[in-house]
């Protein structure tokens, strides 16, 4: 982390877990544990939990994010949620392009780009996920994959808008598998992402972007991962569902 240049952010991605009642209980456990955090703390929760989560975190330093949004303001998109709906109830962040959305629900770089621009236009802060498959890493094309995703996902995003974008590097082979990229592997790709941003924008703009690591970061490896210059936080899966583990990661990011 380099807090002199950019914000450190720890965001929990709850995925399809926790009913509203369970969400309230978990957030009531988390909030006192992270109240002195020297980093941004976010809980990205299922749609049905959003109103409860916003109420449960009112007056605390915990921000609430959604796990996706649609690019249209309204219309015949059964099952989708618009940015305006999220904004009105107090959501601040939204996860976009997560590998599970790409793998199971047909998300593409084009639709990630459309959602990203819609989120920015609505005043939401998108956490844009990028990452390579195991096969792509084994074929030694990680950089090509990441460069393509960055360029396409941020197409037509202005330098001013980039100030509100968070990038999450999530090697797909390390999500929910128990495998974790080494701290050196995470640093290498996060640094590459920053270099790509510098090419697309400029170095100052790139240096200001928070780049999270999102591949099985937990309370046991957070210290080492976050010690790297270009790893500015984490998009946390399983560990975000356990208050003490999530708080330990926040503590690591607060150093």
Protein backbone atom coordinates (compact mmCIF):
# COMPACT_ATOMS: atom_id res chain seq x y z
CA UNK A 1 0.00 0.00 0.00
CA UNK A 2 1.01 3.57 -0.61
CA UNK A 3 -1.46 5.61 1.44
CA UNK A 4 0.30 8.83 0.56
CA UNK A 5 -0.99 8.44 -3.00
CA UNK A 6 -4.28 6.56 -2.70
CA UNK A 7 -6.91 5.19 -0.36
CA UNK A 8 -6.64 1.70 1.10
CA UNK A 9 -9.96 -0.13 0.77
CA UNK A 10 -11.16 -3.40 2.29
CA UNK A 11 -14.47 -4.52 0.80
CA UNK A 12 -16.39 -7.60 1.79
CA UNK A 13 -18.14 -9.38 -1.08
CA UNK A 14 -20.82 -11.44 0.60
CA UNK A 15 -21.96 -13.11 -2.65
CA UNK A 16 -25.24 -15.07 -2.19
CA UNK A 17 -25.06 -15.29 1.58
CA UNK A 18 -27.02 -13.92 4.56
CA UNK A 19 -30.69 -13.14 4.92
CA UNK A 20 -31.59 -9.60 6.07
CA UNK A 21 -31.81 -10.80 9.67
CA UNK A 22 -28.41 -12.50 9.40
CA UNK A 23 -26.94 -9.46 7.67
CA UNK A 24 -28.02 -7.18 10.51
CA UNK A 25 -26.47 -9.50 13.08
CA UNK A 26 -23.16 -9.75 11.19
CA UNK A 27 -22.87 -6.01 10.64
CA UNK A 28 -23.60 -5.37 14.30
CA UNK A 29 -20.62 -7.61 15.06
CA UNK A 30 -18.37 -5.98 12.46
CA UNK A 31 -18.98 -2.28 13.08
CA UNK A 32 -17.48 -2.01 16.58
CA UNK A 33 -14.46 -4.08 15.52
CA UNK A 34 -13.56 -1.75 12.64
CA UNK A 35 -14.59 1.63 14.07
CA UNK A 36 -10.99 2.86 14.29
CA UNK A 37 -9.92 1.63 10.86
CA UNK A 38 -7.37 3.68 8.92
CA UNK A 39 -8.82 2.50 5.61
CA UNK A 40 -12.16 2.50 3.82
CA UNK A 41 -14.38 -0.38 4.96
CA UNK A 42 -17.19 -1.63 2.70
CA UNK A 43 -19.71 -4.45 2.87
CA UNK A 44 -21.07 -5.44 -0.55
CA UNK A 45 -24.23 -7.40 0.15
CA UNK A 46 -27.10 -9.10 -1.75
CA UNK A 47 -29.87 -6.82 -3.01
CA UNK A 48 -32.39 -7.99 -0.38
CA UNK A 49 -29.94 -7.07 2.39
CA UNK A 50 -29.16 -3.53 1.19
CA UNK A 51 -31.82 -1.59 3.09
CA UNK A 52 -31.12 -3.52 6.29
CA UNK A 53 -27.36 -3.07 5.87
CA UNK A 54 -27.65 0.68 5.32
CA UNK A 55 -29.79 1.00 8.44
CA UNK A 56 -27.44 -1.20 10.48
CA UNK A 57 -24.36 0.83 9.53
CA UNK A 58 -25.89 4.30 9.86
CA UNK A 59 -23.52 6.58 11.78
CA UNK A 60 -20.60 4.16 11.41
CA UNK A 61 -17.55 4.17 9.13
CA UNK A 62 -18.77 1.11 7.20
CA UNK A 63 -19.99 1.86 3.67
CA UNK A 64 -22.46 -0.34 1.81
CA UNK A 65 -22.08 -1.63 -1.72
CA UNK A 66 -24.18 -3.71 -4.10
CA UNK A 67 -22.94 -6.75 -6.00
CA UNK A 68 -24.06 -5.63 -9.46
CA UNK A 69 -26.22 -3.10 -11.31
CA UNK A 70 -27.78 -2.72 -14.75
CA UNK A 71 -26.72 -0.14 -17.32
CA UNK A 72 -30.23 1.07 -18.14
CA UNK A 73 -32.04 3.61 -15.97
CA UNK A 74 -35.25 1.58 -16.20
CA UNK A 75 -37.12 -0.70 -18.58
CA UNK A 76 -38.02 -4.29 -19.41
CA UNK A 77 -35.10 -5.99 -17.68
CA UNK A 78 -36.77 -8.47 -15.37
CA UNK A 79 -34.67 -9.30 -12.34
CA UNK A 80 -32.24 -6.40 -12.75
CA UNK A 81 -31.57 -3.41 -10.48
CA UNK A 82 -30.78 0.09 -11.75
CA UNK A 83 -28.16 2.50 -10.48
CA UNK A 84 -30.90 4.94 -9.52
CA UNK A 85 -32.53 2.37 -7.27
CA UNK A 86 -29.22 1.75 -5.53
CA UNK A 87 -28.35 5.41 -5.21
CA UNK A 88 -31.70 6.38 -3.71
CA UNK A 89 -31.42 3.96 -0.80
CA UNK A 90 -27.88 5.05 0.07
CA UNK A 91 -25.59 2.57 -1.68
CA UNK A 92 -22.12 4.04 -2.39
CA UNK A 93 -20.19 1.25 -4.13
CA UNK A 94 -21.03 -1.50 -6.62
CA UNK A 95 -19.02 -4.58 -7.64
CA UNK A 96 -18.92 -5.03 -11.42
CA UNK A 97 -17.52 -7.76 -13.66
CA UNK A 98 -16.87 -10.27 -10.89
CA UNK A 99 -15.57 -13.53 -12.32
CA UNK A 100 -18.68 -15.36 -11.11
CA UNK A 101 -20.86 -12.93 -13.07
CA UNK A 102 -18.68 -13.52 -16.11
CA UNK A 103 -18.61 -17.30 -15.66
CA UNK A 104 -22.22 -18.05 -14.76
CA UNK A 105 -24.27 -15.13 -16.10
CA UNK A 106 -22.71 -14.21 -19.42
CA UNK A 107 -21.07 -10.96 -18.35
CA UNK A 108 -18.66 -9.62 -20.95
CA UNK A 109 -16.18 -6.76 -21.06
CA UNK A 110 -18.72 -4.83 -23.12
CA UNK A 111 -21.48 -5.18 -20.50
CA UNK A 112 -19.02 -4.47 -17.68
CA UNK A 113 -18.10 -1.26 -19.47
CA UNK A 114 -21.76 -0.27 -19.88
CA UNK A 115 -22.48 -0.97 -16.20
CA UNK A 116 -19.35 0.92 -15.15
CA UNK A 117 -20.31 4.03 -17.08
CA UNK A 118 -23.87 3.86 -15.75
CA UNK A 119 -22.62 3.55 -12.17
CA UNK A 120 -20.29 6.52 -12.57
CA UNK A 121 -23.03 8.63 -14.15
CA UNK A 122 -25.25 7.90 -11.15
CA UNK A 123 -22.55 8.87 -8.66
CA UNK A 124 -21.76 5.33 -7.54
CA UNK A 125 -18.20 4.07 -7.15
CA UNK A 126 -17.63 0.91 -9.20
CA UNK A 127 -15.26 -1.83 -8.04
CA UNK A 128 -14.29 -3.25 -11.43
CA UNK A 129 -12.99 -6.82 -11.32
CA UNK A 130 -10.37 -8.21 -13.69
CA UNK A 131 -8.41 -11.45 -13.65
CA UNK A 132 -7.14 -14.42 -15.58
CA UNK A 133 -8.23 -18.06 -15.66
CA UNK A 134 -5.82 -20.78 -14.56
CA UNK A 135 -5.45 -21.91 -18.20
CA UNK A 136 -4.59 -18.37 -19.25
CA UNK A 137 -1.91 -18.10 -16.56
CA UNK A 138 -0.48 -21.49 -17.54
CA UNK A 139 -0.34 -20.30 -21.16
CA UNK A 140 1.59 -17.24 -19.98
CA UNK A 141 -0.94 -14.72 -21.31
CA UNK A 142 -1.92 -13.12 -17.99
CA UNK A 143 -0.72 -9.69 -19.08
CA UNK A 144 -2.54 -9.87 -22.41
CA UNK A 145 -5.77 -10.85 -20.66
CA UNK A 146 -5.48 -8.12 -18.03
CA UNK A 147 -4.52 -5.43 -20.54
CA UNK A 148 -7.54 -6.27 -22.69
CA UNK A 149 -9.92 -6.22 -19.73
CA UNK A 150 -8.61 -2.89 -18.43
CA UNK A 151 -8.86 -1.23 -21.82
CA UNK A 152 -12.34 -2.56 -22.60
CA UNK A 153 -13.89 -2.29 -19.13
CA UNK A 154 -12.76 1.35 -18.82
CA UNK A 155 -13.48 2.34 -22.43
CA UNK A 156 -14.70 5.95 -22.57
CA UNK A 157 -14.22 6.43 -18.81
CA UNK A 158 -12.67 9.87 -18.37
CA UNK A 159 -9.69 10.72 -16.20
CA UNK A 160 -12.03 12.63 -13.89
CA UNK A 161 -14.35 9.61 -13.61
CA UNK A 162 -11.39 7.33 -12.97
CA UNK A 163 -10.97 9.03 -9.59
CA UNK A 164 -14.08 7.15 -8.44
CA UNK A 165 -13.10 3.76 -9.88
CA UNK A 166 -11.59 0.94 -7.82
CA UNK A 167 -9.92 -1.99 -9.62
CA UNK A 168 -9.98 -5.45 -8.05
CA UNK A 169 -7.47 -7.97 -9.38
CA UNK A 170 -8.96 -11.41 -8.83
CA UNK A 171 -7.07 -14.32 -10.34
CA UNK A 172 -9.97 -16.61 -11.14
CA UNK A 173 -7.98 -19.68 -10.14
CA UNK A 174 -7.66 -18.30 -6.61
CA UNK A 175 -11.32 -17.51 -5.90
CA UNK A 176 -13.05 -19.88 -3.52
CA UNK A 177 -10.41 -22.53 -4.17
CA UNK A 178 -8.25 -21.93 -1.12
CA UNK A 179 -5.39 -21.13 -3.49
CA UNK A 180 -3.87 -17.69 -3.22
CA UNK A 181 -1.50 -15.87 -5.49
CA UNK A 182 1.77 -15.28 -3.70
CA UNK A 183 2.34 -11.73 -2.54
CA UNK A 184 4.90 -11.35 -5.33
CA UNK A 185 2.41 -12.60 -7.95
CA UNK A 186 -0.25 -10.23 -6.65
CA UNK A 187 2.18 -7.31 -6.66
CA UNK A 188 3.36 -8.13 -10.17
CA UNK A 189 -0.13 -8.03 -11.67
CA UNK A 190 -1.34 -5.06 -9.61
CA UNK A 191 1.75 -3.14 -10.75
CA UNK A 192 1.00 -4.18 -14.34
CA UNK A 193 -2.56 -2.90 -13.97
CA UNK A 194 -1.23 0.44 -12.75
CA UNK A 195 1.16 0.58 -15.70
CA UNK A 196 -1.75 -0.02 -18.08
CA UNK A 197 -3.72 2.78 -16.43
CA UNK A 198 -0.71 5.06 -16.88
CA UNK A 199 -0.69 4.23 -20.60
CA UNK A 200 -4.42 4.91 -20.94
CA UNK A 201 -4.41 8.05 -18.81
CA UNK A 202 -1.18 9.25 -17.17
CA UNK A 203 1.06 8.28 -14.25
CA UNK A 204 -0.54 10.63 -11.74
CA UNK A 205 -4.00 9.32 -12.55
CA UNK A 206 -2.76 5.73 -12.31
CA UNK A 207 -1.02 6.34 -9.00
CA UNK A 208 -4.27 7.62 -7.50
CA UNK A 209 -6.29 4.47 -8.31
CA UNK A 210 -6.89 1.93 -5.55
CA UNK A 211 -6.10 -1.58 -6.80
CA UNK A 212 -7.35 -4.37 -4.55
CA UNK A 213 -6.37 -8.02 -4.51
CA UNK A 214 -9.35 -10.33 -4.63
CA UNK A 215 -8.18 -13.93 -4.61
CA UNK A 216 -8.76 -15.61 -1.24
CA UNK A 217 -7.24 -12.87 0.90
CA UNK A 218 -7.82 -13.82 4.53
CA UNK A 219 -6.73 -13.00 8.06
CA UNK A 220 -3.70 -15.23 7.67
CA UNK A 221 -2.20 -13.76 4.51
CA UNK A 222 -3.47 -10.17 4.54
CA UNK A 223 -0.39 -8.69 6.21
CA UNK A 224 1.97 -10.07 3.58
CA UNK A 225 -0.24 -9.18 0.62
CA UNK A 226 -0.91 -5.66 1.86
CA UNK A 227 2.79 -5.03 2.46
CA UNK A 228 3.22 -4.77 -1.31
CA UNK A 229 3.35 -1.28 -2.84
CA UNK A 230 0.65 -1.79 -5.45
CA UNK A 231 -1.78 -3.89 -3.39
CA UNK A 232 -4.06 -1.25 -1.91
CA UNK A 233 -6.62 -3.42 -0.18
CA UNK A 234 -8.75 -6.47 -0.73
CA UNK A 235 -12.06 -7.66 -2.14
CA UNK A 236 -12.80 -10.28 0.48
CA UNK A 237 -15.04 -13.30 -0.06
CA UNK A 238 -15.41 -15.99 2.58
CA UNK A 239 -13.50 -14.15 5.30
CA UNK A 240 -15.94 -11.22 5.07
CA UNK A 241 -18.67 -13.46 6.49
CA UNK A 242 -16.83 -13.89 9.81
CA UNK A 243 -16.62 -10.67 11.81
CA UNK A 244 -13.31 -11.41 13.54
CA UNK A 245 -11.57 -12.51 10.33
CA UNK A 246 -12.83 -9.50 8.40
CA UNK A 247 -11.77 -7.18 11.21
CA UNK A 248 -8.28 -8.72 11.21
CA UNK A 249 -7.92 -7.90 7.50
CA UNK A 250 -9.11 -4.35 8.13
CA UNK A 251 -6.53 -4.09 10.92
CA UNK A 252 -3.80 -5.24 8.51
CA UNK A 253 -4.86 -2.52 6.04
CA UNK A 254 -4.86 0.08 8.79
CA UNK A 255 -1.14 -0.23 9.48
